[in-house]
Amino acid sequence: MLKIKNFLILVLLTLNSTAAIAAEPENAFLQVYTELAVTDGHTEKFTDDGVPAGIETDLVRAVLADAGIEYQIQVVPWVRAVQAIDASRNVVVYSMARTPEREDKYHWIGQVLPLDFHLYGLRENIDSLPKNLREASTARIGVLRADVVGIYLESLGFTNLVYVTEPSRNLDMLKRSRIDLFPYTRHSVGSFVEANEFNPEDLIGVIRLDEISTGLYMVVSKNTDNAIVERLRKSYRDVVSSNNFEENFDTTYRPQRSAEIEVLDAAEQ
């Protein structure tokens, strides 16, 4: 009789534990981190009350709302966002470039923006600027710490990288001949330089970084409950299928780009 009683107690404890685990996703709270700044010239922007807005944020908010998960978005430096998602569960970060090195470190929910990375330099130096990655290995390139471009170039053995704390520092260093090149996405570089009072006509894109020109993603920390991850993925599919965000990006956000900066054709690189 005692054995039966102990067995029943064990079953009840197991059921209660299982129920608690199953209920956890329903009561989940996600801490969301992003790096946004007006001077970045991104498609993102801030509303008058300082709340992040734009197509990337709109998509992330729509996914979280569809999943019925409570969250808080906090704007932080990129390094801090990466540290948080690497160290904690129930953390969301956007927008992160998808690379082989990062593939197994996070749960990839879905793309929030396409990417087209180029290395830009001063047009007046066009004759001396590198035209391919082999030549670029001897150039000084300004990059953000923990950013996908820096990580990519480091993986290629580049040792001439100049680390900056924010993208606008690259423009200042370019003007003072402290660097030769800096990376940026083609769709937003025009508004980025104009926001920093830099003449877009003074720049030219010389090298496309094909291997990392994929997309920016919404990602979740690796040790987050799988039920939460799958709910987010399903909500992402539902939201994207019911609202054509790519078309919305082309028709609504691209026209806000105020300058088109020339990039060399592949044949010229």
Protein backbone atom coordinates (compact mmCIF):
# COMPACT_ATOMS: atom_id res chain seq x y z
CA MET A 1 0.00 0.00 0.00
CA LEU A 2 2.85 2.35 0.87
CA LYS A 3 4.51 1.64 -2.46
CA ILE A 4 1.29 2.49 -4.30
CA LYS A 5 0.95 5.71 -2.31
CA ASN A 6 4.53 6.71 -3.07
CA PHE A 7 3.98 5.90 -6.73
CA LEU A 8 0.88 8.10 -6.87
CA ILE A 9 2.75 10.96 -5.21
CA LEU A 10 5.52 10.61 -7.76
CA VAL A 11 2.98 10.67 -10.62
CA LEU A 12 1.32 13.80 -9.21
CA LEU A 13 4.67 15.56 -8.84
CA THR A 14 5.58 14.63 -12.40
CA LEU A 15 2.24 15.90 -13.72
CA ASN A 16 2.56 19.16 -11.81
CA SER A 17 6.10 19.64 -13.11
CA THR A 18 5.01 18.89 -16.67
CA ALA A 19 2.06 21.27 -16.36
CA ALA A 20 4.34 24.02 -15.10
CA ILE A 21 6.69 23.53 -18.02
CA ALA A 22 3.81 23.50 -20.49
CA ALA A 23 2.33 26.62 -18.97
CA GLU A 24 5.58 28.54 -19.09
CA PRO A 25 5.27 29.61 -22.76
CA GLU A 26 1.78 30.94 -22.10
CA ASN A 27 3.12 33.27 -19.42
CA ALA A 28 6.39 34.05 -21.15
CA PHE A 29 7.90 37.52 -21.19
CA LEU A 30 10.51 38.34 -23.79
CA GLN A 31 13.13 41.04 -23.46
CA VAL A 32 13.72 42.50 -26.90
CA TYR A 33 16.90 44.37 -27.79
CA THR A 34 17.69 46.39 -30.87
CA GLU A 35 20.22 48.96 -31.93
CA LEU A 36 18.60 51.96 -33.55
CA ALA A 37 19.77 55.49 -34.10
CA VAL A 38 18.70 58.28 -36.41
CA THR A 39 22.31 58.82 -37.47
CA ASP A 40 22.58 55.23 -38.65
CA GLY A 41 20.46 56.15 -41.65
CA HIS A 42 18.62 52.86 -41.32
CA THR A 43 15.05 52.33 -42.44
CA GLU A 44 14.32 52.49 -38.73
CA LYS A 45 13.43 55.73 -36.99
CA PHE A 46 12.14 56.98 -33.66
CA THR A 47 8.71 58.43 -33.03
CA ASP A 48 8.38 61.77 -31.28
CA ASP A 49 8.15 60.08 -27.89
CA GLY A 50 11.35 58.10 -28.44
CA VAL A 51 9.71 54.76 -29.26
CA PRO A 52 11.45 52.78 -32.03
CA ALA A 53 9.40 52.50 -35.20
CA GLY A 54 9.87 51.48 -38.82
CA ILE A 55 9.33 48.39 -40.90
CA GLU A 56 11.66 46.14 -38.88
CA THR A 57 10.10 47.14 -35.57
CA ASP A 58 6.60 46.96 -37.07
CA LEU A 59 7.23 43.39 -38.18
CA VAL A 60 8.72 42.31 -34.84
CA ARG A 61 5.83 43.86 -32.92
CA ALA A 62 3.31 42.20 -35.22
CA VAL A 63 4.93 38.78 -34.70
CA LEU A 64 5.00 39.13 -30.92
CA ALA A 65 1.40 40.36 -30.83
CA ASP A 66 0.23 37.46 -33.00
CA ALA A 67 2.06 35.04 -30.69
CA GLY A 68 0.36 36.61 -27.67
CA ILE A 69 3.64 37.08 -25.82
CA GLU A 70 4.36 40.06 -23.60
CA TYR A 71 7.58 41.91 -24.30
CA GLN A 72 9.61 45.03 -23.82
CA ILE A 73 11.80 46.63 -26.49
CA GLN A 74 14.98 48.29 -25.32
CA VAL A 75 17.44 50.20 -27.49
CA VAL A 76 21.05 49.38 -26.55
CA PRO A 77 24.52 49.35 -28.11
CA TRP A 78 25.01 46.35 -30.37
CA VAL A 79 27.67 44.75 -28.18
CA ARG A 80 25.29 44.76 -25.21
CA ALA A 81 22.50 43.20 -27.27
CA VAL A 82 24.80 40.36 -28.33
CA GLN A 83 26.03 39.84 -24.77
CA ALA A 84 22.45 39.65 -23.50
CA ILE A 85 21.23 37.11 -26.05
CA ASP A 86 24.35 34.97 -25.54
CA ALA A 87 23.94 34.92 -21.75
CA SER A 88 20.19 34.74 -21.09
CA ARG A 89 17.06 32.90 -22.13
CA ASN A 90 13.89 34.58 -23.45
CA VAL A 91 15.86 37.29 -25.22
CA VAL A 92 15.03 38.56 -28.71
CA VAL A 93 17.42 40.61 -30.83
CA TYR A 94 16.79 42.34 -34.14
CA SER A 95 18.20 42.95 -36.62
CA MET A 96 20.99 40.36 -36.87
CA ALA A 97 22.80 39.28 -40.02
CA ARG A 98 22.73 35.55 -40.61
CA THR A 99 26.17 34.00 -41.05
CA PRO A 100 27.58 30.45 -40.81
CA GLU A 101 29.38 31.41 -37.58
CA ARG A 102 26.10 32.50 -35.97
CA GLU A 103 23.85 29.80 -37.40
CA ASP A 104 23.90 27.43 -34.41
CA LYS A 105 24.09 30.10 -31.72
CA TYR A 106 20.49 31.35 -31.98
CA HIS A 107 16.97 30.43 -33.04
CA TRP A 108 16.28 32.24 -36.31
CA ILE A 109 12.66 33.39 -36.44
CA GLY A 110 12.57 35.19 -39.77
CA GLN A 111 14.07 37.86 -41.99
CA VAL A 112 13.07 41.45 -41.24
CA LEU A 113 15.14 43.19 -43.92
CA PRO A 114 17.25 42.21 -46.94
CA LEU A 115 20.96 43.04 -46.88
CA ASP A 116 23.36 44.31 -49.53
CA PHE A 117 26.70 45.15 -47.91
CA HIS A 118 29.33 47.22 -49.72
CA LEU A 119 32.63 48.80 -48.75
CA TYR A 120 32.58 52.55 -49.39
CA GLY A 121 35.45 54.99 -49.83
CA LEU A 122 36.08 58.53 -51.03
CA ARG A 123 35.41 59.05 -54.72
CA GLU A 124 38.49 61.26 -55.02
CA ASN A 125 40.59 58.23 -54.11
CA ILE A 126 38.94 55.91 -56.64
CA ASP A 127 42.17 55.12 -58.47
CA SER A 128 43.92 53.91 -55.32
CA LEU A 129 40.97 52.18 -53.64
CA PRO A 130 40.89 48.35 -53.67
CA LYS A 131 38.47 46.73 -56.10
CA ASN A 132 38.30 43.26 -54.53
CA LEU A 133 38.75 41.62 -51.14
CA ARG A 134 42.29 40.49 -51.89
CA GLU A 135 43.33 44.08 -52.50
CA ALA A 136 41.27 45.27 -49.50
CA SER A 137 43.40 43.18 -47.15
CA THR A 138 45.94 46.02 -47.11
CA ALA A 139 43.37 48.82 -46.65
CA ARG A 140 42.25 50.35 -43.35
CA ILE A 141 38.59 49.48 -42.80
CA GLY A 142 36.41 50.97 -40.06
CA VAL A 143 34.06 48.45 -38.43
CA LEU A 144 31.87 48.12 -35.35
CA ARG A 145 32.88 45.63 -32.68
CA ALA A 146 30.83 42.39 -32.73
CA ASP A 147 29.30 43.49 -36.03
CA VAL A 148 28.83 40.99 -38.84
CA VAL A 149 31.22 42.77 -41.22
CA GLY A 150 34.05 42.88 -38.71
CA ILE A 151 33.53 39.23 -37.81
CA TYR A 152 33.47 38.29 -41.49
CA LEU A 153 36.65 40.20 -42.35
CA GLU A 154 38.40 38.80 -39.28
CA SER A 155 37.51 35.29 -40.48
CA LEU A 156 39.27 36.11 -43.77
CA GLY A 157 42.41 37.00 -41.84
CA PHE A 158 42.12 40.79 -42.08
CA THR A 159 44.35 42.42 -39.47
CA ASN A 160 43.93 46.04 -40.57
CA LEU A 161 40.50 46.68 -39.07
CA VAL A 162 39.87 49.92 -37.19
CA TYR A 163 37.17 49.47 -34.54
CA VAL A 164 34.66 52.26 -33.89
CA THR A 165 31.89 52.64 -31.33
CA GLU A 166 29.25 53.97 -33.74
CA PRO A 167 28.87 54.15 -37.53
CA SER A 168 29.13 57.95 -37.73
CA ARG A 169 32.73 57.73 -36.46
CA ASN A 170 33.67 56.07 -39.75
CA LEU A 171 32.72 59.19 -41.70
CA ASP A 172 34.82 61.39 -39.46
CA MET A 173 37.79 59.06 -39.75
CA LEU A 174 37.34 58.82 -43.52
CA LYS A 175 37.49 62.61 -43.85
CA ARG A 176 40.66 62.70 -41.73
CA SER A 177 42.28 59.89 -43.75
CA ARG A 178 42.34 57.61 -40.73
CA ILE A 179 40.56 54.85 -42.67
CA ASP A 180 40.21 54.01 -46.37
CA LEU A 181 36.89 52.15 -46.38
CA PHE A 182 33.83 51.49 -44.25
CA PRO A 183 30.96 49.01 -44.68
CA TYR A 184 27.28 49.85 -45.01
CA THR A 185 24.11 48.49 -46.56
CA ARG A 186 23.34 49.91 -49.97
CA HIS A 187 19.69 50.68 -49.27
CA SER A 188 20.46 52.97 -46.33
CA VAL A 189 23.92 54.43 -46.88
CA GLY A 190 22.54 57.54 -48.60
CA SER A 191 20.36 58.64 -45.72
CA PHE A 192 23.12 57.66 -43.28
CA VAL A 193 25.69 60.03 -44.77
CA GLU A 194 23.19 62.84 -45.23
CA ALA A 195 22.04 62.54 -41.62
CA ASN A 196 25.67 63.09 -40.67
CA GLU A 197 26.04 66.10 -42.99
CA PHE A 198 28.36 64.28 -45.37
CA ASN A 199 28.05 64.84 -49.12
CA PRO A 200 26.83 61.57 -50.70
CA GLU A 201 28.51 62.50 -53.97
CA ASP A 202 31.89 62.24 -52.25
CA LEU A 203 31.43 58.48 -51.71
CA ILE A 204 31.55 55.45 -53.96
CA GLY A 205 30.95 51.77 -53.28
CA VAL A 206 33.87 49.66 -54.48
CA ILE A 207 33.36 46.11 -53.16
CA ARG A 208 30.17 44.12 -52.57
CA LEU A 209 30.46 41.67 -49.67
CA ASP A 210 28.59 38.80 -51.31
CA GLU A 211 28.94 36.20 -48.58
CA ILE A 212 27.21 38.30 -45.91
CA SER A 213 24.73 40.10 -48.18
CA THR A 214 21.85 37.89 -47.07
CA GLY A 215 19.37 39.44 -44.67
CA LEU A 216 18.75 40.86 -41.21
CA TYR A 217 16.80 38.59 -38.88
CA MET A 218 14.77 38.43 -35.72
CA VAL A 219 16.52 35.93 -33.45
CA VAL A 220 15.87 34.34 -30.05
CA SER A 221 18.39 33.12 -27.47
CA LYS A 222 19.32 29.47 -27.87
CA ASN A 223 18.10 28.26 -24.46
CA THR A 224 14.61 29.72 -24.84
CA ASP A 225 11.77 27.19 -24.51
CA ASN A 226 11.14 25.43 -27.83
CA ALA A 227 7.40 26.02 -27.52
CA ILE A 228 8.02 29.78 -27.50
CA VAL A 229 10.35 29.52 -30.47
CA GLU A 230 7.82 27.56 -32.53
CA ARG A 231 5.02 29.98 -31.63
CA LEU A 232 7.15 32.87 -32.84
CA ARG A 233 8.03 31.08 -36.07
CA LYS A 234 4.40 30.28 -36.75
CA SER A 235 3.37 33.85 -36.01
CA TYR A 236 6.12 35.14 -38.30
CA ARG A 237 4.83 32.95 -41.15
CA ASP A 238 1.25 34.05 -40.51
CA VAL A 239 2.11 37.75 -40.33
CA VAL A 240 4.30 37.73 -43.44
CA SER A 241 1.80 35.73 -45.47
CA SER A 242 -1.04 38.10 -44.59
CA ASN A 243 0.97 41.30 -45.02
CA ASN A 244 3.49 41.67 -47.82
CA PHE A 245 6.28 43.35 -45.87
CA GLU A 246 8.78 43.12 -48.71
CA GLU A 247 6.44 45.04 -51.00
CA ASN A 248 5.74 47.49 -48.18
CA PHE A 249 9.47 48.00 -47.77
CA ASP A 250 9.95 48.75 -51.47
CA THR A 251 7.00 51.12 -51.83
CA THR A 252 7.03 52.85 -48.45
CA TYR A 253 10.52 52.89 -47.05
CA ARG A 254 12.85 52.98 -50.03
CA PRO A 255 11.53 56.37 -51.26
CA GLN A 256 12.60 57.87 -47.93
CA ARG A 257 16.20 57.27 -48.96
CA SER A 258 17.28 60.74 -50.06
CA ALA A 259 20.45 59.89 -51.95
CA GLU A 260 21.66 57.14 -54.26
CA ILE A 261 25.36 56.43 -53.91
CA GLU A 262 27.11 54.87 -56.88
CA VAL A 263 28.63 51.44 -56.57
CA LEU A 264 31.02 49.91 -59.06
CA ASP A 265 29.67 47.16 -61.27
CA ALA A 266 31.02 43.67 -60.64
CA ALA A 267 32.98 43.93 -63.89
CA GLU A 268 34.76 47.01 -62.59
CA GLN A 269 35.62 45.45 -59.24
